[in-house]
Amino acid sequence: MIRRLLIILVSVALLAAAIIGGLWYGARWMTKPADPVTIAAASLQAVREQNRLVPFAARFVAVVTSTQSRFGFSAKKTLIMPGMVRYEIDLAALQQDDLNWNAATNTLAITLPAVQIAGPEVDLKNIREYGEGGVLMALTNTEAELDTANRNAGQAELLRQAREPLPMKLARDAARNAIERSFVMPLRAAGIDAKVTARFEGES
């Protein structure tokens, strides 16, 4: 009887010790400072799962003119082509090596992939055309050739405008802001007063 009681008491003591030990370890884990590198890695995974970021879009208008001359006649057509261009970031291309945590300054530096231009998406409803030289157009396939030349030139012009320094700067600024928010919010939620800076490769 006494031996059984001792066994029970020892078992209860061991169980209590295990519970206390578990609570102590759990409390220690809960109070352990958050690891910014681990949080940044989790944020990176979440960002990568978004696949593509469209931080900026812009509308442009191309005005192009094509001419042809045959048999002493000439024909000319002018095309006004509006279109939308999207500026995208391939988030899936972000890798762990693109993140650099500086513990001395509490700064997370992120190197972003280049901005990609998608489009243009031509606004077909608002295209306008003006032409002259009906005789040549009536006798030959000049009008179809002028239309093809204008469409190709119009799309090229929309892309040229989209690559101008100002819209590219606006797109990069918007991308930087979006990425910085995506990484800084989880860090601050974990109680880490961190600064996040995003830049594109080649930028200082």
Protein backbone atom coordinates (compact mmCIF):
# COMPACT_ATOMS: atom_id res chain seq x y z
CA MET A 1 0.00 0.00 0.00
CA ILE A 2 2.77 2.44 0.99
CA ARG A 3 4.79 1.45 -2.08
CA ARG A 4 1.79 2.04 -4.35
CA LEU A 5 1.23 5.43 -2.73
CA LEU A 6 4.88 6.33 -3.27
CA ILE A 7 4.62 5.34 -6.94
CA ILE A 8 1.52 7.52 -7.33
CA LEU A 9 3.21 10.45 -5.60
CA VAL A 10 6.32 10.10 -7.76
CA SER A 11 4.17 9.92 -10.91
CA VAL A 12 2.24 13.03 -9.89
CA ALA A 13 5.51 14.83 -9.15
CA LEU A 14 6.95 13.90 -12.54
CA LEU A 15 3.76 15.02 -14.30
CA ALA A 16 3.79 18.31 -12.42
CA ALA A 17 7.43 18.82 -13.30
CA ALA A 18 6.69 18.14 -16.95
CA ILE A 19 3.79 20.61 -16.96
CA ILE A 20 5.84 23.29 -15.21
CA GLY A 21 8.73 22.69 -17.58
CA GLY A 22 6.43 22.95 -20.57
CA LEU A 23 4.88 26.16 -19.29
CA TRP A 24 8.33 27.63 -18.63
CA TYR A 25 9.55 26.73 -22.09
CA GLY A 26 6.37 28.09 -23.68
CA ALA A 27 6.63 31.34 -21.75
CA ARG A 28 10.27 31.64 -22.73
CA TRP A 29 9.38 31.06 -26.38
CA MET A 30 6.55 33.59 -26.24
CA THR A 31 8.84 36.24 -24.73
CA LYS A 32 11.72 35.49 -27.08
CA PRO A 33 12.43 38.49 -29.35
CA ALA A 34 11.04 38.13 -32.87
CA ASP A 35 13.60 37.28 -35.52
CA PRO A 36 13.43 39.87 -38.33
CA VAL A 37 15.15 37.52 -40.79
CA THR A 38 12.49 34.85 -40.21
CA ILE A 39 9.69 37.41 -40.57
CA ALA A 40 11.23 38.78 -43.76
CA ALA A 41 11.49 35.26 -45.18
CA ALA A 42 7.81 34.62 -44.44
CA SER A 43 6.89 37.96 -46.04
CA LEU A 44 8.95 37.03 -49.09
CA GLN A 45 7.03 33.79 -49.49
CA ALA A 46 3.70 35.64 -49.24
CA VAL A 47 4.83 38.23 -51.78
CA ARG A 48 6.09 35.58 -54.21
CA GLU A 49 2.70 33.85 -54.10
CA GLN A 50 1.10 37.01 -55.51
CA ASN A 51 3.08 36.24 -58.69
CA ARG A 52 2.83 39.67 -60.33
CA LEU A 53 2.45 43.19 -59.02
CA VAL A 54 0.88 45.94 -61.12
CA PRO A 55 1.88 49.09 -59.22
CA PHE A 56 1.13 51.53 -62.02
CA ALA A 57 -0.82 51.91 -65.26
CA ALA A 58 -0.97 54.79 -67.71
CA ARG A 59 -2.96 55.82 -70.76
CA PHE A 60 -1.23 57.20 -73.84
CA VAL A 61 -2.34 58.42 -77.25
CA ALA A 62 -0.39 57.72 -80.43
CA VAL A 63 -0.83 59.85 -83.55
CA VAL A 64 0.80 58.33 -86.63
CA THR A 65 0.59 58.97 -90.37
CA SER A 66 1.48 56.74 -93.32
CA THR A 67 1.68 57.71 -96.99
CA GLN A 68 2.04 55.92 -100.31
CA SER A 69 2.50 57.09 -103.89
CA ARG A 70 1.75 55.06 -107.03
CA PHE A 71 1.02 55.83 -110.64
CA GLY A 72 1.26 59.53 -110.00
CA PHE A 73 -1.30 59.40 -107.21
CA SER A 74 -0.72 59.61 -103.47
CA ALA A 75 -2.66 58.52 -100.44
CA LYS A 76 -2.28 59.34 -96.78
CA LYS A 77 -3.96 58.11 -93.61
CA THR A 78 -3.61 59.37 -90.06
CA LEU A 79 -4.45 57.18 -87.09
CA ILE A 80 -5.19 58.38 -83.56
CA MET A 81 -4.79 55.36 -81.28
CA PRO A 82 -5.33 55.55 -77.49
CA GLY A 83 -4.11 52.68 -75.36
CA MET A 84 -3.43 51.55 -71.81
CA VAL A 85 -0.07 50.22 -70.63
CA ARG A 86 0.54 48.32 -67.39
CA TYR A 87 3.80 48.36 -65.47
CA GLU A 88 4.44 45.04 -63.74
CA ILE A 89 6.92 43.43 -61.35
CA ASP A 90 7.55 39.68 -61.49
CA LEU A 91 7.30 38.93 -57.78
CA ALA A 92 8.02 35.24 -58.36
CA ALA A 93 11.53 36.29 -59.43
CA LEU A 94 12.32 37.62 -55.94
CA GLN A 95 14.77 35.37 -54.11
CA GLN A 96 16.11 35.20 -50.58
CA ASP A 97 19.41 36.61 -51.85
CA ASP A 98 17.53 39.78 -52.84
CA LEU A 99 16.90 40.52 -49.15
CA ASN A 100 19.61 41.88 -46.86
CA TRP A 101 19.00 42.54 -43.16
CA ASN A 102 21.35 45.01 -41.45
CA ALA A 103 21.07 44.41 -37.71
CA ALA A 104 23.18 47.47 -36.89
CA THR A 105 20.73 49.87 -38.52
CA ASN A 106 17.55 47.74 -38.29
CA THR A 107 17.18 48.05 -42.05
CA LEU A 108 15.90 45.50 -44.54
CA ALA A 109 17.18 46.21 -48.06
CA ILE A 110 15.36 44.61 -51.00
CA THR A 111 16.58 44.44 -54.59
CA LEU A 112 13.67 44.31 -57.03
CA PRO A 113 13.49 42.79 -60.50
CA ALA A 114 13.12 45.21 -63.40
CA VAL A 115 9.79 46.80 -64.25
CA GLN A 116 8.13 45.08 -67.20
CA ILE A 117 5.73 46.80 -69.58
CA ALA A 118 2.59 44.87 -70.50
CA GLY A 119 0.45 45.92 -73.43
CA PRO A 120 -0.49 48.17 -74.96
CA GLU A 121 -4.19 47.47 -74.67
CA VAL A 122 -5.58 49.50 -77.54
CA ASP A 123 -8.87 51.32 -76.93
CA LEU A 124 -10.57 50.19 -80.14
CA LYS A 125 -13.76 52.16 -79.47
CA ASN A 126 -11.93 55.47 -79.47
CA ILE A 127 -9.64 54.98 -82.47
CA ARG A 128 -9.98 57.75 -85.05
CA GLU A 129 -8.79 57.70 -88.67
CA TYR A 130 -8.44 60.43 -91.26
CA GLY A 131 -7.40 59.90 -94.86
CA GLU A 132 -6.96 61.49 -98.26
CA GLY A 133 -6.17 60.12 -101.68
CA GLY A 134 -9.33 58.23 -102.46
CA VAL A 135 -8.40 57.54 -106.09
CA LEU A 136 -5.34 55.48 -105.24
CA MET A 137 -7.20 53.72 -102.44
CA ALA A 138 -10.04 52.83 -104.80
CA LEU A 139 -7.74 51.43 -107.52
CA THR A 140 -5.29 49.50 -105.31
CA ASN A 141 -4.94 47.87 -101.90
CA THR A 142 -3.15 50.96 -100.63
CA GLU A 143 -5.71 51.63 -97.89
CA ALA A 144 -5.20 48.20 -96.32
CA GLU A 145 -1.44 48.66 -96.43
CA LEU A 146 -1.71 52.10 -94.85
CA ASP A 147 -3.97 50.71 -92.11
CA THR A 148 -1.50 47.94 -91.31
CA ALA A 149 1.41 50.36 -91.25
CA ASN A 150 -0.48 52.75 -88.99
CA ARG A 151 -1.54 50.02 -86.55
CA ASN A 152 2.03 48.77 -86.22
CA ALA A 153 3.41 52.28 -85.89
CA GLY A 154 0.69 53.21 -83.40
CA GLN A 155 1.49 50.33 -81.07
CA ALA A 156 5.20 51.06 -81.32
CA GLU A 157 4.52 54.71 -80.47
CA LEU A 158 2.45 53.76 -77.42
CA LEU A 159 5.31 51.63 -76.14
CA ARG A 160 7.80 54.39 -76.86
CA GLN A 161 5.77 56.81 -74.76
CA ALA A 162 5.42 54.20 -72.01
CA ARG A 163 9.21 53.88 -71.78
CA GLU A 164 9.74 57.61 -71.35
CA PRO A 165 11.66 58.55 -68.16
CA LEU A 166 8.69 60.10 -66.33
CA PRO A 167 6.21 57.18 -66.49
CA MET A 168 9.02 54.71 -65.78
CA LYS A 169 9.98 56.73 -62.69
CA LEU A 170 6.37 56.82 -61.52
CA ALA A 171 6.10 53.06 -62.00
CA ARG A 172 9.32 52.36 -60.07
CA ASP A 173 8.30 54.69 -57.24
CA ALA A 174 4.91 52.98 -56.96
CA ALA A 175 6.53 49.54 -56.98
CA ARG A 176 9.03 50.52 -54.29
CA ASN A 177 6.29 51.90 -52.05
CA ALA A 178 4.12 48.79 -52.46
CA ILE A 179 6.96 46.37 -51.71
CA GLU A 180 8.23 48.37 -48.74
CA ARG A 181 4.74 48.33 -47.19
CA SER A 182 4.43 44.58 -47.76
CA PHE A 183 7.60 43.92 -45.75
CA VAL A 184 7.52 46.65 -43.11
CA MET A 185 3.99 45.93 -41.83
CA PRO A 186 4.73 42.35 -40.61
CA LEU A 187 7.95 43.56 -38.97
CA ARG A 188 6.18 46.32 -37.07
CA ALA A 189 3.33 43.99 -36.15
CA ALA A 190 5.98 41.81 -34.46
CA GLY A 191 7.24 44.81 -32.51
CA ILE A 192 10.34 45.42 -34.62
CA ASP A 193 11.01 49.08 -35.38
CA ALA A 194 12.56 48.42 -38.77
CA LYS A 195 13.15 50.42 -41.90
CA VAL A 196 12.60 48.80 -45.29
CA THR A 197 14.20 50.16 -48.46
CA ALA A 198 13.48 48.73 -51.89
CA ARG A 199 15.57 49.53 -54.93
CA PHE A 200 16.03 48.25 -58.45
CA GLU A 201 19.25 46.68 -59.59
CA GLY A 202 21.68 49.36 -60.69
CA GLU A 203 20.19 52.02 -58.42
CA SER A 204 22.26 53.47 -55.60
